[in-house]
Amino acid sequence: MDGLNWQQPFIWLADLMRPHNKAIALAMVTTLLVIFGDVINATFKKLLKRQMVWVRVSAFIGLCAFGYGAFTVWITPLLASFLMHRSPITYVFVVIVSFVVVGILAERFQRKKL
């Protein structure tokens, strides 16, 4: 039995996934922002609670429009590059495990809200 036979399904799956690498990285980053956005916003709100209303509103606009946007724009290409330079087996493993971990985090944070 050839040593590459067990790797073929992973190589095939990686070949299917790699053209969508940027979208996969964007999905990971934005999902994490959705999961942790409430925590970030609550922390930001605590820090600004004694400020005037226009300062709080301006800060939240900056955080949501520019902070989250800049984070997404800067981190997504870094994550996409990191993923793209993995071997096919590692690529498939990292993507699948990452989405499972993100799913677990989402479920746990949702449970805390209920």
PDB file of N, CA and C in Angstrom:
ATOM      1  N   MET A   1       0.852  -1.181   0.000  1.00  0.00           N
ATOM      2  CA  MET A   1       0.000   0.000   0.000  1.00  0.00           C
ATOM      3  C   MET A   1       0.895   1.240   0.000  1.00  0.00           C
ATOM      4  N   ASP A   2       0.606   2.119  -0.898  1.00  0.00           N
ATOM      5  CA  ASP A   2       1.382   3.337  -1.053  1.00  0.00           C
ATOM      6  C   ASP A   2       1.117   4.290   0.117  1.00  0.00           C
ATOM      7  N   GLY A   3       2.176   4.947   0.591  1.00  0.00           N
ATOM      8  CA  GLY A   3       2.066   5.869   1.722  1.00  0.00           C
ATOM      9  C   GLY A   3       1.211   7.090   1.431  1.00  0.00           C
ATOM     10  N   LEU A   4       1.014   7.411   0.172  1.00  0.00           N
ATOM     11  CA  LEU A   4       0.215   8.588  -0.179  1.00  0.00           C
ATOM     12  C   LEU A   4      -1.282   8.304  -0.220  1.00  0.00           C
ATOM     13  N   ASN A   5      -1.688   7.046  -0.249  1.00  0.00           N
ATOM     14  CA  ASN A   5      -3.104   6.711  -0.393  1.00  0.00           C
ATOM     15  C   ASN A   5      -3.974   7.306   0.702  1.00  0.00           C
ATOM     16  N   TRP A   6      -3.530   7.247   1.944  1.00  0.00           N
ATOM     17  CA  TRP A   6      -4.353   7.788   3.031  1.00  0.00           C
ATOM     18  C   TRP A   6      -4.413   9.306   2.988  1.00  0.00           C
ATOM     19  N   GLN A   7      -3.443   9.941   2.289  1.00  0.00           N
ATOM     20  CA  GLN A   7      -3.410  11.402   2.197  1.00  0.00           C
ATOM     21  C   GLN A   7      -4.287  11.946   1.075  1.00  0.00           C
ATOM     22  N   GLN A   8      -4.645  11.095   0.125  1.00  0.00           N
ATOM     23  CA  GLN A   8      -5.386  11.558  -1.046  1.00  0.00           C
ATOM     24  C   GLN A   8      -6.700  12.281  -0.705  1.00  0.00           C
ATOM     25  N   PRO A   9      -7.511  11.787   0.219  1.00  0.00           N
ATOM     26  CA  PRO A   9      -8.748  12.524   0.536  1.00  0.00           C
ATOM     27  C   PRO A   9      -8.469  13.924   1.098  1.00  0.00           C
ATOM     28  N   PHE A  10      -7.401  14.050   1.888  1.00  0.00           N
ATOM     29  CA  PHE A  10      -7.048  15.353   2.447  1.00  0.00           C
ATOM     30  C   PHE A  10      -6.543  16.300   1.363  1.00  0.00           C
ATOM     31  N   ILE A  11      -5.759  15.766   0.452  1.00  0.00           N
ATOM     32  CA  ILE A  11      -5.256  16.577  -0.657  1.00  0.00           C
ATOM     33  C   ILE A  11      -6.421  17.022  -1.531  1.00  0.00           C
ATOM     34  N   TRP A  12      -7.331  16.119  -1.817  1.00  0.00           N
ATOM     35  CA  TRP A  12      -8.513  16.446  -2.618  1.00  0.00           C
ATOM     36  C   TRP A  12      -9.345  17.522  -1.930  1.00  0.00           C
ATOM     37  N   LEU A  13      -9.593  17.358  -0.625  1.00  0.00           N
ATOM     38  CA  LEU A  13     -10.383  18.338   0.122  1.00  0.00           C
ATOM     39  C   LEU A  13      -9.671  19.685   0.185  1.00  0.00           C
ATOM     40  N   ALA A  14      -8.376  19.682   0.414  1.00  0.00           N
ATOM     41  CA  ALA A  14      -7.607  20.933   0.437  1.00  0.00           C
ATOM     42  C   ALA A  14      -7.666  21.627  -0.919  1.00  0.00           C
ATOM     43  N   ASP A  15      -7.594  20.842  -1.988  1.00  0.00           N
ATOM     44  CA  ASP A  15      -7.696  21.421  -3.339  1.00  0.00           C
ATOM     45  C   ASP A  15      -9.063  22.059  -3.568  1.00  0.00           C
ATOM     46  N   LEU A  16     -10.104  21.498  -2.984  1.00  0.00           N
ATOM     47  CA  LEU A  16     -11.436  22.097  -3.085  1.00  0.00           C
ATOM     48  C   LEU A  16     -11.571  23.364  -2.244  1.00  0.00           C
ATOM     49  N   MET A  17     -10.909  23.370  -1.095  1.00  0.00           N
ATOM     50  CA  MET A  17     -11.052  24.476  -0.142  1.00  0.00           C
ATOM     51  C   MET A  17     -10.149  25.666  -0.458  1.00  0.00           C
ATOM     52  N   ARG A  18      -8.963  25.433  -0.950  1.00  0.00           N
ATOM     53  CA  ARG A  18      -7.980  26.517  -1.130  1.00  0.00           C
ATOM     54  C   ARG A  18      -8.461  27.673  -2.004  1.00  0.00           C
ATOM     55  N   PRO A  19      -9.236  27.435  -3.063  1.00  0.00           N
ATOM     56  CA  PRO A  19      -9.722  28.594  -3.834  1.00  0.00           C
ATOM     57  C   PRO A  19     -10.624  29.526  -2.999  1.00  0.00           C
ATOM     58  N   HIS A  20     -11.163  29.020  -1.914  1.00  0.00           N
ATOM     59  CA  HIS A  20     -12.038  29.795  -1.044  1.00  0.00           C
ATOM     60  C   HIS A  20     -11.323  30.235   0.232  1.00  0.00           C
ATOM     61  N   ASN A  21      -9.998  30.218   0.205  1.00  0.00           N
ATOM     62  CA  ASN A  21      -9.195  30.481   1.394  1.00  0.00           C
ATOM     63  C   ASN A  21      -9.484  31.839   2.019  1.00  0.00           C
ATOM     64  N   LYS A  22      -9.598  32.884   1.207  1.00  0.00           N
ATOM     65  CA  LYS A  22      -9.870  34.224   1.751  1.00  0.00           C
ATOM     66  C   LYS A  22     -11.238  34.274   2.411  1.00  0.00           C
ATOM     67  N   ALA A  23     -12.219  33.623   1.803  1.00  0.00           N
ATOM     68  CA  ALA A  23     -13.556  33.591   2.395  1.00  0.00           C
ATOM     69  C   ALA A  23     -13.564  32.790   3.690  1.00  0.00           C
ATOM     70  N   ILE A  24     -12.799  31.723   3.742  1.00  0.00           N
ATOM     71  CA  ILE A  24     -12.692  30.917   4.964  1.00  0.00           C
ATOM     72  C   ILE A  24     -12.063  31.748   6.072  1.00  0.00           C
ATOM     73  N   ALA A  25     -10.981  32.458   5.763  1.00  0.00           N
ATOM     74  CA  ALA A  25     -10.317  33.308   6.763  1.00  0.00           C
ATOM     75  C   ALA A  25     -11.258  34.418   7.222  1.00  0.00           C
ATOM     76  N   LEU A  26     -11.974  35.032   6.295  1.00  0.00           N
ATOM     77  CA  LEU A  26     -12.927  36.094   6.650  1.00  0.00           C
ATOM     78  C   LEU A  26     -14.040  35.548   7.534  1.00  0.00           C
ATOM     79  N   ALA A  27     -14.531  34.364   7.229  1.00  0.00           N
ATOM     80  CA  ALA A  27     -15.574  33.748   8.048  1.00  0.00           C
ATOM     81  C   ALA A  27     -15.086  33.507   9.467  1.00  0.00           C
ATOM     82  N   MET A  28     -13.845  33.047   9.608  1.00  0.00           N
ATOM     83  CA  MET A  28     -13.293  32.811  10.946  1.00  0.00           C
ATOM     84  C   MET A  28     -13.180  34.110  11.733  1.00  0.00           C
ATOM     85  N   VAL A  29     -12.621  35.133  11.108  1.00  0.00           N
ATOM     86  CA  VAL A  29     -12.410  36.412  11.788  1.00  0.00           C
ATOM     87  C   VAL A  29     -13.743  37.054  12.166  1.00  0.00           C
ATOM     88  N   THR A  30     -14.667  37.116  11.224  1.00  0.00           N
ATOM     89  CA  THR A  30     -15.942  37.780  11.520  1.00  0.00           C
ATOM     90  C   THR A  30     -16.763  37.000  12.536  1.00  0.00           C
ATOM     91  N   THR A  31     -16.703  35.691  12.497  1.00  0.00           N
ATOM     92  CA  THR A  31     -17.431  34.903  13.487  1.00  0.00           C
ATOM     93  C   THR A  31     -16.884  35.135  14.885  1.00  0.00           C
ATOM     94  N   LEU A  32     -15.577  35.225  15.013  1.00  0.00           N
ATOM     95  CA  LEU A  32     -14.983  35.534  16.323  1.00  0.00           C
ATOM     96  C   LEU A  32     -15.398  36.929  16.796  1.00  0.00           C
ATOM     97  N   LEU A  33     -15.466  37.885  15.874  1.00  0.00           N
ATOM     98  CA  LEU A  33     -15.916  39.224  16.255  1.00  0.00           C
ATOM     99  C   LEU A  33     -17.377  39.220  16.698  1.00  0.00           C
ATOM    100  N   VAL A  34     -18.187  38.429  16.047  1.00  0.00           N
ATOM    101  CA  VAL A  34     -19.596  38.327  16.459  1.00  0.00           C
ATOM    102  C   VAL A  34     -19.689  37.695  17.848  1.00  0.00           C
ATOM    103  N   ILE A  35     -18.919  36.647  18.073  1.00  0.00           N
ATOM    104  CA  ILE A  35     -18.963  35.959  19.368  1.00  0.00           C
ATOM    105  C   ILE A  35     -18.482  36.875  20.494  1.00  0.00           C
ATOM    106  N   PHE A  36     -17.352  37.548  20.266  1.00  0.00           N
ATOM    107  CA  PHE A  36     -16.753  38.350  21.332  1.00  0.00           C
ATOM    108  C   PHE A  36     -17.142  39.823  21.278  1.00  0.00           C
ATOM    109  N   GLY A  37     -17.936  40.215  20.300  1.00  0.00           N
ATOM    110  CA  GLY A  37     -18.331  41.614  20.171  1.00  0.00           C
ATOM    111  C   GLY A  37     -19.051  42.155  21.391  1.00  0.00           C
ATOM    112  N   ASP A  38     -19.944  41.371  21.971  1.00  0.00           N
ATOM    113  CA  ASP A  38     -20.658  41.817  23.168  1.00  0.00           C
ATOM    114  C   ASP A  38     -19.704  42.047  24.338  1.00  0.00           C
ATOM    115  N   VAL A  39     -18.726  41.180  24.485  1.00  0.00           N
ATOM    116  CA  VAL A  39     -17.751  41.328  25.572  1.00  0.00           C
ATOM    117  C   VAL A  39     -16.905  42.581  25.343  1.00  0.00           C
ATOM    118  N   ILE A  40     -16.470  42.779  24.112  1.00  0.00           N
ATOM    119  CA  ILE A  40     -15.677  43.964  23.782  1.00  0.00           C
ATOM    120  C   ILE A  40     -16.496  45.232  24.004  1.00  0.00           C
ATOM    121  N   ASN A  41     -17.732  45.224  23.513  1.00  0.00           N
ATOM    122  CA  ASN A  41     -18.598  46.394  23.683  1.00  0.00           C
ATOM    123  C   ASN A  41     -18.881  46.680  25.153  1.00  0.00           C
ATOM    124  N   ALA A  42     -19.129  45.651  25.948  1.00  0.00           N
ATOM    125  CA  ALA A  42     -19.403  45.841  27.374  1.00  0.00           C
ATOM    126  C   ALA A  42     -18.183  46.409  28.093  1.00  0.00           C
ATOM    127  N   THR A  43     -17.018  45.926  27.753  1.00  0.00           N
ATOM    128  CA  THR A  43     -15.786  46.441  28.350  1.00  0.00           C
ATOM    129  C   THR A  43     -15.582  47.900  27.960  1.00  0.00           C
ATOM    130  N   PHE A  44     -15.809  48.191  26.696  1.00  0.00           N
ATOM    131  CA  PHE A  44     -15.683  49.563  26.197  1.00  0.00           C
ATOM    132  C   PHE A  44     -16.690  50.473  26.893  1.00  0.00           C
ATOM    133  N   LYS A  45     -17.900  49.957  27.082  1.00  0.00           N
ATOM    134  CA  LYS A  45     -18.948  50.738  27.753  1.00  0.00           C
ATOM    135  C   LYS A  45     -18.552  51.056  29.195  1.00  0.00           C
ATOM    136  N   LYS A  46     -17.979  50.088  29.888  1.00  0.00           N
ATOM    137  CA  LYS A  46     -17.515  50.311  31.266  1.00  0.00           C
ATOM    138  C   LYS A  46     -16.440  51.390  31.316  1.00  0.00           C
ATOM    139  N   LEU A  47     -15.530  51.330  30.365  1.00  0.00           N
ATOM    140  CA  LEU A  47     -14.442  52.309  30.339  1.00  0.00           C
ATOM    141  C   LEU A  47     -14.940  53.724  30.078  1.00  0.00           C
ATOM    142  N   LEU A  48     -16.045  53.838  29.345  1.00  0.00           N
ATOM    143  CA  LEU A  48     -16.525  55.157  28.924  1.00  0.00           C
ATOM    144  C   LEU A  48     -17.762  55.637  29.675  1.00  0.00           C
ATOM    145  N   LYS A  49     -18.213  54.900  30.685  1.00  0.00           N
ATOM    146  CA  LYS A  49     -19.505  55.223  31.299  1.00  0.00           C
ATOM    147  C   LYS A  49     -19.541  56.601  31.949  1.00  0.00           C
ATOM    148  N   ARG A  50     -18.436  57.143  32.348  1.00  0.00           N
ATOM    149  CA  ARG A  50     -18.409  58.463  32.997  1.00  0.00           C
ATOM    150  C   ARG A  50     -18.179  59.605  32.005  1.00  0.00           C
ATOM    151  N   GLN A  51     -18.044  59.282  30.739  1.00  0.00           N
ATOM    152  CA  GLN A  51     -17.807  60.308  29.724  1.00  0.00           C
ATOM    153  C   GLN A  51     -19.125  60.923  29.262  1.00  0.00           C
ATOM    154  N   MET A  52     -19.016  62.071  28.625  1.00  0.00           N
ATOM    155  CA  MET A  52     -20.201  62.729  28.072  1.00  0.00           C
ATOM    156  C   MET A  52     -20.774  61.883  26.945  1.00  0.00           C
ATOM    157  N   VAL A  53     -22.053  62.067  26.680  1.00  0.00           N
ATOM    158  CA  VAL A  53     -22.746  61.229  25.714  1.00  0.00           C
ATOM    159  C   VAL A  53     -22.106  61.316  24.334  1.00  0.00           C
ATOM    160  N   TRP A  54     -21.687  62.483  23.904  1.00  0.00           N
ATOM    161  CA  TRP A  54     -21.105  62.601  22.565  1.00  0.00           C
ATOM    162  C   TRP A  54     -19.760  61.872  22.476  1.00  0.00           C
ATOM    163  N   VAL A  55     -19.028  61.789  23.592  1.00  0.00           N
ATOM    164  CA  VAL A  55     -17.774  61.039  23.620  1.00  0.00           C
ATOM    165  C   VAL A  55     -18.073  59.543  23.519  1.00  0.00           C
ATOM    166  N   ARG A  56     -19.079  59.083  24.276  1.00  0.00           N
ATOM    167  CA  ARG A  56     -19.451  57.659  24.227  1.00  0.00           C
ATOM    168  C   ARG A  56     -19.928  57.263  22.835  1.00  0.00           C
ATOM    169  N   VAL A  57     -20.800  58.084  22.254  1.00  0.00           N
ATOM    170  CA  VAL A  57     -21.331  57.779  20.922  1.00  0.00           C
ATOM    171  C   VAL A  57     -20.199  57.765  19.893  1.00  0.00           C
ATOM    172  N   SER A  58     -19.341  58.771  19.951  1.00  0.00           N
ATOM    173  CA  SER A  58     -18.213  58.835  19.008  1.00  0.00           C
ATOM    174  C   SER A  58     -17.280  57.631  19.173  1.00  0.00           C
ATOM    175  N   ALA A  59     -17.021  57.259  20.423  1.00  0.00           N
ATOM    176  CA  ALA A  59     -16.145  56.118  20.677  1.00  0.00           C
ATOM    177  C   ALA A  59     -16.756  54.826  20.141  1.00  0.00           C
ATOM    178  N   PHE A  60     -18.055  54.634  20.325  1.00  0.00           N
ATOM    179  CA  PHE A  60     -18.688  53.413  19.819  1.00  0.00           C
ATOM    180  C   PHE A  60     -18.741  53.400  18.296  1.00  0.00           C
ATOM    181  N   ILE A  61     -18.946  54.554  17.697  1.00  0.00           N
ATOM    182  CA  ILE A  61     -18.897  54.619  16.235  1.00  0.00           C
ATOM    183  C   ILE A  61     -17.496  54.245  15.761  1.00  0.00           C
ATOM    184  N   GLY A  62     -16.495  54.803  16.433  1.00  0.00           N
ATOM    185  CA  GLY A  62     -15.116  54.474  16.071  1.00  0.00           C
ATOM    186  C   GLY A  62     -14.802  53.000  16.254  1.00  0.00           C
ATOM    187  N   LEU A  63     -15.244  52.454  17.384  1.00  0.00           N
ATOM    188  CA  LEU A  63     -14.997  51.033  17.649  1.00  0.00           C
ATOM    189  C   LEU A  63     -15.681  50.153  16.617  1.00  0.00           C
ATOM    190  N   CYS A  64     -16.951  50.390  16.388  1.00  0.00           N
ATOM    191  CA  CYS A  64     -17.718  49.507  15.495  1.00  0.00           C
ATOM    192  C   CYS A  64     -17.358  49.700  14.029  1.00  0.00           C
ATOM    193  N   ALA A  65     -17.285  50.947  13.592  1.00  0.00           N
ATOM    194  CA  ALA A  65     -17.036  51.202  12.172  1.00  0.00           C
ATOM    195  C   ALA A  65     -15.572  51.025  11.800  1.00  0.00           C
ATOM    196  N   PHE A  66     -14.701  51.568  12.621  1.00  0.00           N
ATOM    197  CA  PHE A  66     -13.290  51.563  12.261  1.00  0.00           C
ATOM    198  C   PHE A  66     -12.506  50.470  12.976  1.00  0.00           C
ATOM    199  N   GLY A  67     -12.765  50.258  14.241  1.00  0.00           N
ATOM    200  CA  GLY A  67     -12.023  49.259  15.005  1.00  0.00           C
ATOM    201  C   GLY A  67     -12.270  47.853  14.500  1.00  0.00           C
ATOM    202  N   TYR A  68     -13.534  47.449  14.451  1.00  0.00           N
ATOM    203  CA  TYR A  68     -13.860  46.108  13.970  1.00  0.00           C
ATOM    204  C   TYR A  68     -13.514  45.959  12.493  1.00  0.00           C
ATOM    205  N   GLY A  69     -13.773  47.005  11.725  1.00  0.00           N
ATOM    206  CA  GLY A  69     -13.458  46.963  10.295  1.00  0.00           C
ATOM    207  C   GLY A  69     -11.965  46.833  10.047  1.00  0.00           C
ATOM    208  N   ALA A  70     -11.186  47.647  10.753  1.00  0.00           N
ATOM    209  CA  ALA A  70      -9.730  47.586  10.587  1.00  0.00           C
ATOM    210  C   ALA A  70      -9.191  46.235  11.034  1.00  0.00           C
ATOM    211  N   PHE A  71      -9.712  45.730  12.144  1.00  0.00           N
ATOM    212  CA  PHE A  71      -9.278  44.416  12.624  1.00  0.00           C
ATOM    213  C   PHE A  71      -9.543  43.356  11.561  1.00  0.00           C
ATOM    214  N   THR A  72     -10.729  43.394  10.976  1.00  0.00           N
ATOM    215  CA  THR A  72     -11.098  42.421   9.948  1.00  0.00           C
ATOM    216  C   THR A  72     -10.208  42.555   8.720  1.00  0.00           C
ATOM    217  N   VAL A  73      -9.990  43.793   8.275  1.00  0.00           N
ATOM    218  CA  VAL A  73      -9.189  44.029   7.070  1.00  0.00           C
ATOM    219  C   VAL A  73      -7.730  43.634   7.282  1.00  0.00           C
ATOM    220  N   TRP A  74      -7.196  43.827   8.476  1.00  0.00           N
ATOM    221  CA  TRP A  74      -5.783  43.515   8.726  1.00  0.00           C
ATOM    222  C   TRP A  74      -5.550  42.042   9.067  1.00  0.00           C
ATOM    223  N   ILE A  75      -6.451  41.448   9.832  1.00  0.00           N
ATOM    224  CA  ILE A  75      -6.235  40.071  10.300  1.00  0.00           C
ATOM    225  C   ILE A  75      -6.577  39.037   9.231  1.00  0.00           C
ATOM    226  N   THR A  76      -7.607  39.295   8.439  1.00  0.00           N
ATOM    227  CA  THR A  76      -8.032  38.314   7.436  1.00  0.00           C
ATOM    228  C   THR A  76      -6.908  37.930   6.477  1.00  0.00           C
ATOM    229  N   PRO A  77      -6.180  38.875   5.881  1.00  0.00           N
ATOM    230  CA  PRO A  77      -5.084  38.457   4.987  1.00  0.00           C
ATOM    231  C   PRO A  77      -3.971  37.703   5.712  1.00  0.00           C
ATOM    232  N   LEU A  78      -3.709  38.067   6.968  1.00  0.00           N
ATOM    233  CA  LEU A  78      -2.686  37.342   7.731  1.00  0.00           C
ATOM    234  C   LEU A  78      -3.107  35.894   7.963  1.00  0.00           C
ATOM    235  N   LEU A  79      -4.368  35.711   8.347  1.00  0.00           N
ATOM    236  CA  LEU A  79      -4.874  34.358   8.563  1.00  0.00           C
ATOM    237  C   LEU A  79      -4.918  33.581   7.250  1.00  0.00           C
ATOM    238  N   ALA A  80      -5.359  34.237   6.176  1.00  0.00           N
ATOM    239  CA  ALA A  80      -5.407  33.572   4.868  1.00  0.00           C
ATOM    240  C   ALA A  80      -4.010  33.135   4.427  1.00  0.00           C
ATOM    241  N   SER A  81      -3.034  33.989   4.643  1.00  0.00           N
ATOM    242  CA  SER A  81      -1.651  33.648   4.287  1.00  0.00           C
ATOM    243  C   SER A  81      -1.138  32.493   5.139  1.00  0.00           C
ATOM    244  N   PHE A  82      -1.425  32.555   6.441  1.00  0.00           N
ATOM    245  CA  PHE A  82      -1.019  31.462   7.328  1.00  0.00           C
ATOM    246  C   PHE A  82      -1.602  30.134   6.842  1.00  0.00           C
ATOM    247  N   LEU A  83      -2.892  30.140   6.530  1.00  0.00           N
ATOM    248  CA  LEU A  83      -3.552  28.907   6.079  1.00  0.00           C
ATOM    249  C   LEU A  83      -2.973  28.422   4.756  1.00  0.00           C
ATOM    250  N   MET A  84      -2.753  29.343   3.834  1.00  0.00           N
ATOM    251  CA  MET A  84      -2.318  28.962   2.497  1.00  0.00           C
ATOM    252  C   MET A  84      -0.947  28.291   2.501  1.00  0.00           C
ATOM    253  N   HIS A  85      -0.124  28.588   3.479  1.00  0.00           N
ATOM    254  CA  HIS A  85       1.224  28.030   3.527  1.00  0.00           C
ATOM    255  C   HIS A  85       1.304  26.721   4.322  1.00  0.00           C
ATOM    256  N   ARG A  86       0.187  26.128   4.621  1.00  0.00           N
ATOM    257  CA  ARG A  86       0.164  24.836   5.311  1.00  0.00           C
ATOM    258  C   ARG A  86       0.112  23.725   4.275  1.00  0.00           C
ATOM    259  N   SER A  87       0.582  22.564   4.663  1.00  0.00           N
ATOM    260  CA  SER A  87       0.463  21.387   3.801  1.00  0.00           C
ATOM    261  C   SER A  87      -1.022  21.041   3.679  1.00  0.00           C
ATOM    262  N   PRO A  88      -1.412  20.265   2.664  1.00  0.00           N
ATOM    263  CA  PRO A  88      -2.829  19.944   2.508  1.00  0.00           C
ATOM    264  C   PRO A  88      -3.463  19.307   3.750  1.00  0.00           C
ATOM    265  N   ILE A  89      -2.772  18.399   4.381  1.00  0.00           N
ATOM    266  CA  ILE A  89      -3.321  17.727   5.563  1.00  0.00           C
ATOM    267  C   ILE A  89      -3.469  18.721   6.708  1.00  0.00           C
ATOM    268  N   THR A  90      -2.436  19.524   6.936  1.00  0.00           N
ATOM    269  CA  THR A  90      -2.494  20.524   8.000  1.00  0.00           C
ATOM    270  C   THR A  90      -3.560  21.562   7.701  1.00  0.00           C
ATOM    271  N   TYR A  91      -3.674  21.978   6.449  1.00  0.00           N
ATOM    272  CA  TYR A  91      -4.673  22.963   6.043  1.00  0.00           C
ATOM    273  C   TYR A  91      -6.080  22.487   6.395  1.00  0.00           C
ATOM    274  N   VAL A  92      -6.414  21.290   5.953  1.00  0.00           N
ATOM    275  CA  VAL A  92      -7.748  20.740   6.221  1.00  0.00           C
ATOM    276  C   VAL A  92      -7.969  20.599   7.723  1.00  0.00           C
ATOM    277  N   PHE A  93      -6.984  20.085   8.429  1.00  0.00           N
ATOM    278  CA  PHE A  93      -7.092  19.905   9.880  1.00  0.00           C
ATOM    279  C   PHE A  93      -7.314  21.243  10.588  1.00  0.00           C
ATOM    280  N   VAL A  94      -6.505  22.248  10.267  1.00  0.00           N
ATOM    281  CA  VAL A  94      -6.612  23.557  10.937  1.00  0.00           C
ATOM    282  C   VAL A  94      -7.964  24.203  10.650  1.00  0.00           C
ATOM    283  N   VAL A  95      -8.422  24.153   9.411  1.00  0.00           N
ATOM    284  CA  VAL A  95      -9.710  24.767   9.066  1.00  0.00           C
ATOM    285  C   VAL A  95     -10.852  24.067   9.800  1.00  0.00           C
ATOM    286  N   ILE A  96     -10.875  22.754   9.764  1.00  0.00           N
ATOM    287  CA  ILE A  96     -11.963  22.020  10.416  1.00  0.00           C
ATOM    288  C   ILE A  96     -11.932  22.223  11.925  1.00  0.00           C
ATOM    289  N   VAL A  97     -10.767  22.091  12.536  1.00  0.00           N
ATOM    290  CA  VAL A  97     -10.655  22.276  13.986  1.00  0.00           C
ATOM    291  C   VAL A  97     -11.017  23.718  14.371  1.00  0.00           C
ATOM    292  N   SER A  98     -10.585  24.686  13.572  1.00  0.00           N
ATOM    293  CA  SER A  98     -10.906  26.086  13.868  1.00  0.00           C
ATOM    294  C   SER A  98     -12.405  26.322  13.867  1.00  0.00           C
ATOM    295  N   PHE A  99     -13.106  25.788  12.884  1.00  0.00           N
ATOM    296  CA  PHE A  99     -14.553  25.982  12.840  1.00  0.00           C
ATOM    297  C   PHE A  99     -15.263  25.233  13.964  1.00  0.00           C
ATOM    298  N   VAL A 100     -14.746  24.080  14.347  1.00  0.00           N
ATOM    299  CA  VAL A 100     -15.325  23.359  15.487  1.00  0.00           C
ATOM    300  C   VAL A 100     -15.125  24.175  16.765  1.00  0.00           C
ATOM    301  N   VAL A 101     -13.933  24.709  16.964  1.00  0.00           N
ATOM    302  CA  VAL A 101     -13.654  25.529  18.154  1.00  0.00           C
ATOM    303  C   VAL A 101     -14.527  26.781  18.145  1.00  0.00           C
ATOM    304  N   VAL A 102     -14.641  27.435  17.006  1.00  0.00           N
ATOM    305  CA  VAL A 102     -15.493  28.625  16.908  1.00  0.00           C
ATOM    306  C   VAL A 102     -16.946  28.253  17.207  1.00  0.00           C
ATOM    307  N   GLY A 103     -17.398  27.112  16.723  1.00  0.00           N
ATOM    308  CA  GLY A 103     -18.757  26.656  17.021  1.00  0.00           C
ATOM    309  C   GLY A 103     -18.975  26.407  18.501  1.00  0.00           C
ATOM    310  N   ILE A 104     -17.999  25.783  19.143  1.00  0.00           N
ATOM    311  CA  ILE A 104     -18.084  25.539  20.591  1.00  0.00           C
ATOM    312  C   ILE A 104     -18.114  26.860  21.347  1.00  0.00           C
ATOM    313  N   LEU A 105     -17.243  27.796  20.962  1.00  0.00           N
ATOM    314  CA  LEU A 105     -17.243  29.118  21.606  1.00  0.00           C
ATOM    315  C   LEU A 105     -18.577  29.826  21.421  1.00  0.00           C
ATOM    316  N   ALA A 106     -19.118  29.771  20.232  1.00  0.00           N
ATOM    317  CA  ALA A 106     -20.407  30.416  19.961  1.00  0.00           C
ATOM    318  C   ALA A 106     -21.511  29.808  20.815  1.00  0.00           C
ATOM    319  N   GLU A 107     -21.515  28.494  20.909  1.00  0.00           N
ATOM    320  CA  GLU A 107     -22.537  27.819  21.716  1.00  0.00           C
ATOM    321  C   GLU A 107     -22.399  28.180  23.185  1.00  0.00           C
ATOM    322  N   ARG A 108     -21.187  28.215  23.698  1.00  0.00           N
ATOM    323  CA  ARG A 108     -20.980  28.536  25.115  1.00  0.00           C
ATOM    324  C   ARG A 108     -21.335  29.974  25.423  1.00  0.00           C
ATOM    325  N   PHE A 109     -20.966  30.901  24.543  1.00  0.00           N
ATOM    326  CA  PHE A 109     -21.315  32.301  24.781  1.00  0.00           C
ATOM    327  C   PHE A 109     -22.818  32.523  24.646  1.00  0.00           C
ATOM    328  N   GLN A 110     -23.468  31.793  23.753  1.00  0.00           N
ATOM    329  CA  GLN A 110     -24.921  31.905  23.599  1.00  0.00           C
ATOM    330  C   GLN A 110     -25.613  31.372  24.839  1.00  0.00           C
ATOM    331  N   ARG A 111     -25.097  30.285  25.392  1.00  0.00           N
ATOM    332  CA  ARG A 111     -25.688  29.696  26.590  1.00  0.00           C
ATOM    333  C   ARG A 111     -25.586  30.654  27.768  1.00  0.00           C
ATOM    334  N   LYS A 112     -24.484  31.404  27.872  1.00  0.00           N
ATOM    335  CA  LYS A 112     -24.315  32.362  28.954  1.00  0.00           C
ATOM    336  C   LYS A 112     -25.322  33.512  28.857  1.00  0.00           C
ATOM    337  N   LYS A 113     -25.749  33.839  27.648  1.00  0.00           N
ATOM    338  CA  LYS A 113     -26.704  34.935  27.448  1.00  0.00           C
ATOM    339  C   LYS A 113     -28.115  34.534  27.854  1.00  0.00           C
ATOM    340  N   LEU A 114     -28.433  33.258  27.754  1.00  0.00           N
ATOM    341  CA  LEU A 114     -29.801  32.787  28.027  1.00  0.00           C
ATOM    342  C   LEU A 114     -30.090  32.676  29.473  1.00  0.00           C
TER     343      LEU A 114
END
